[in-house]
Amino acid sequence: MATVLKKVECDPKCGFMIQSHDEKEVIKIALEHAKKSHEMDITEKEVRDMMVDA
């Protein structure tokens, strides 16, 4: 049985979106994007709160 596809999207002006069946991968890449592109330090919990099923 496949796991659910998870997705996190940034502000539409930014256009960033990550989706994966691996929740840890989504969190890791979203954290890296926030830091690199927006100079933001967000938490894993904040990413989980933004995560939806794709």
N, C-alpha and C. Protein backbone atom coordinates (compact mmCIF):
# COMPACT_ATOMS: atom_id res chain seq x y z
N MET A 1 0.84 -1.18 0.00
CA MET A 1 0.00 0.00 0.00
C MET A 1 0.88 1.25 0.00
N ALA A 2 0.64 2.15 -0.90
CA ALA A 2 1.44 3.38 -1.01
C ALA A 2 1.02 4.37 0.06
N THR A 3 1.97 5.18 0.47
CA THR A 3 1.65 6.23 1.42
C THR A 3 1.04 7.42 0.68
N VAL A 4 0.38 8.27 1.43
CA VAL A 4 -0.28 9.44 0.86
C VAL A 4 0.76 10.46 0.40
N LEU A 5 0.53 11.06 -0.74
CA LEU A 5 1.39 12.11 -1.26
C LEU A 5 1.15 13.37 -0.45
N LYS A 6 2.21 13.96 0.11
CA LYS A 6 2.12 15.17 0.92
C LYS A 6 2.68 16.34 0.14
N LYS A 7 2.16 17.55 0.44
CA LYS A 7 2.56 18.74 -0.32
C LYS A 7 2.63 19.95 0.59
N VAL A 8 3.64 20.81 0.32
CA VAL A 8 3.76 22.12 0.96
C VAL A 8 3.99 23.13 -0.15
N GLU A 9 3.22 24.21 -0.12
CA GLU A 9 3.38 25.28 -1.10
C GLU A 9 3.73 26.57 -0.39
N CYS A 10 4.59 27.35 -1.03
CA CYS A 10 4.96 28.66 -0.53
C CYS A 10 3.94 29.67 -1.07
N ASP A 11 4.16 30.93 -0.75
CA ASP A 11 3.33 32.01 -1.26
C ASP A 11 3.28 31.94 -2.79
N PRO A 12 2.12 32.18 -3.40
CA PRO A 12 2.03 32.11 -4.87
C PRO A 12 3.04 33.02 -5.59
N LYS A 13 3.42 34.13 -4.97
CA LYS A 13 4.43 35.02 -5.58
C LYS A 13 5.77 34.32 -5.70
N CYS A 14 6.06 33.42 -4.77
CA CYS A 14 7.32 32.67 -4.76
C CYS A 14 7.24 31.52 -5.76
N GLY A 15 6.15 30.76 -5.70
CA GLY A 15 5.96 29.65 -6.62
C GLY A 15 6.56 28.32 -6.18
N PHE A 16 7.22 28.27 -5.03
CA PHE A 16 7.82 27.03 -4.56
C PHE A 16 6.75 26.03 -4.14
N MET A 17 6.97 24.76 -4.50
CA MET A 17 6.08 23.69 -4.07
C MET A 17 6.90 22.41 -3.99
N ILE A 18 6.70 21.65 -2.92
CA ILE A 18 7.34 20.35 -2.77
C ILE A 18 6.25 19.33 -2.48
N GLN A 19 6.33 18.19 -3.15
CA GLN A 19 5.42 17.09 -2.83
C GLN A 19 6.19 15.78 -2.90
N SER A 20 5.84 14.90 -1.99
CA SER A 20 6.53 13.62 -1.90
C SER A 20 5.69 12.66 -1.06
N HIS A 21 5.94 11.37 -1.24
CA HIS A 21 5.33 10.37 -0.37
C HIS A 21 6.09 10.30 0.96
N ASP A 22 7.27 10.89 1.01
CA ASP A 22 8.13 10.87 2.19
C ASP A 22 7.97 12.19 2.95
N GLU A 23 7.23 12.14 4.06
CA GLU A 23 6.95 13.35 4.84
C GLU A 23 8.23 14.02 5.34
N LYS A 24 9.21 13.22 5.72
CA LYS A 24 10.48 13.78 6.21
C LYS A 24 11.19 14.56 5.10
N GLU A 25 11.10 14.07 3.86
CA GLU A 25 11.70 14.77 2.73
C GLU A 25 11.01 16.12 2.51
N VAL A 26 9.69 16.14 2.59
CA VAL A 26 8.94 17.39 2.42
C VAL A 26 9.38 18.40 3.47
N ILE A 27 9.47 17.96 4.71
CA ILE A 27 9.87 18.86 5.80
C ILE A 27 11.28 19.39 5.57
N LYS A 28 12.22 18.51 5.25
CA LYS A 28 13.62 18.90 5.05
C LYS A 28 13.74 19.94 3.94
N ILE A 29 13.12 19.69 2.81
CA ILE A 29 13.24 20.60 1.68
C ILE A 29 12.52 21.92 1.95
N ALA A 30 11.37 21.87 2.61
CA ALA A 30 10.65 23.10 2.95
C ALA A 30 11.45 23.96 3.92
N LEU A 31 12.09 23.33 4.91
CA LEU A 31 12.93 24.08 5.85
C LEU A 31 14.10 24.74 5.12
N GLU A 32 14.74 23.99 4.22
CA GLU A 32 15.86 24.53 3.45
C GLU A 32 15.40 25.70 2.57
N HIS A 33 14.23 25.57 1.94
CA HIS A 33 13.70 26.63 1.09
C HIS A 33 13.44 27.90 1.91
N ALA A 34 12.80 27.75 3.06
CA ALA A 34 12.48 28.90 3.90
C ALA A 34 13.75 29.64 4.31
N LYS A 35 14.78 28.89 4.68
CA LYS A 35 16.04 29.49 5.11
C LYS A 35 16.76 30.17 3.95
N LYS A 36 16.91 29.45 2.84
CA LYS A 36 17.70 29.94 1.71
C LYS A 36 16.99 31.06 0.94
N SER A 37 15.71 30.88 0.66
CA SER A 37 15.01 31.83 -0.20
C SER A 37 14.37 33.00 0.55
N HIS A 38 14.04 32.78 1.83
CA HIS A 38 13.31 33.81 2.56
C HIS A 38 13.98 34.22 3.87
N GLU A 39 15.15 33.65 4.14
CA GLU A 39 15.88 33.93 5.38
C GLU A 39 14.99 33.78 6.61
N MET A 40 14.18 32.70 6.60
CA MET A 40 13.26 32.43 7.70
C MET A 40 13.67 31.14 8.39
N ASP A 41 13.64 31.16 9.71
CA ASP A 41 13.85 29.96 10.50
C ASP A 41 12.48 29.49 10.98
N ILE A 42 11.95 28.45 10.34
CA ILE A 42 10.67 27.90 10.76
C ILE A 42 10.91 26.53 11.36
N THR A 43 9.94 26.04 12.08
CA THR A 43 10.07 24.76 12.77
C THR A 43 9.43 23.64 11.95
N GLU A 44 9.79 22.41 12.31
CA GLU A 44 9.17 21.25 11.67
C GLU A 44 7.66 21.28 11.91
N LYS A 45 7.23 21.71 13.10
CA LYS A 45 5.81 21.79 13.40
C LYS A 45 5.11 22.77 12.45
N GLU A 46 5.75 23.89 12.18
CA GLU A 46 5.15 24.87 11.26
C GLU A 46 5.01 24.27 9.86
N VAL A 47 6.01 23.51 9.43
CA VAL A 47 5.92 22.86 8.12
C VAL A 47 4.80 21.83 8.13
N ARG A 48 4.71 21.04 9.19
CA ARG A 48 3.63 20.05 9.30
C ARG A 48 2.26 20.74 9.25
N ASP A 49 2.14 21.90 9.86
CA ASP A 49 0.87 22.64 9.85
C ASP A 49 0.51 23.13 8.45
N MET A 50 1.51 23.36 7.61
CA MET A 50 1.28 23.81 6.23
C MET A 50 1.05 22.63 5.28
N MET A 51 1.40 21.42 5.71
CA MET A 51 1.38 20.25 4.84
C MET A 51 -0.06 19.78 4.61
N VAL A 52 -0.35 19.45 3.36
CA VAL A 52 -1.65 18.90 2.99
C VAL A 52 -1.45 17.66 2.13
N ASP A 53 -2.50 16.86 2.02
CA ASP A 53 -2.46 15.72 1.10
C ASP A 53 -2.54 16.26 -0.32
N ALA A 54 -1.69 15.73 -1.19
CA ALA A 54 -1.66 16.21 -2.58
C ALA A 54 -2.62 15.41 -3.44
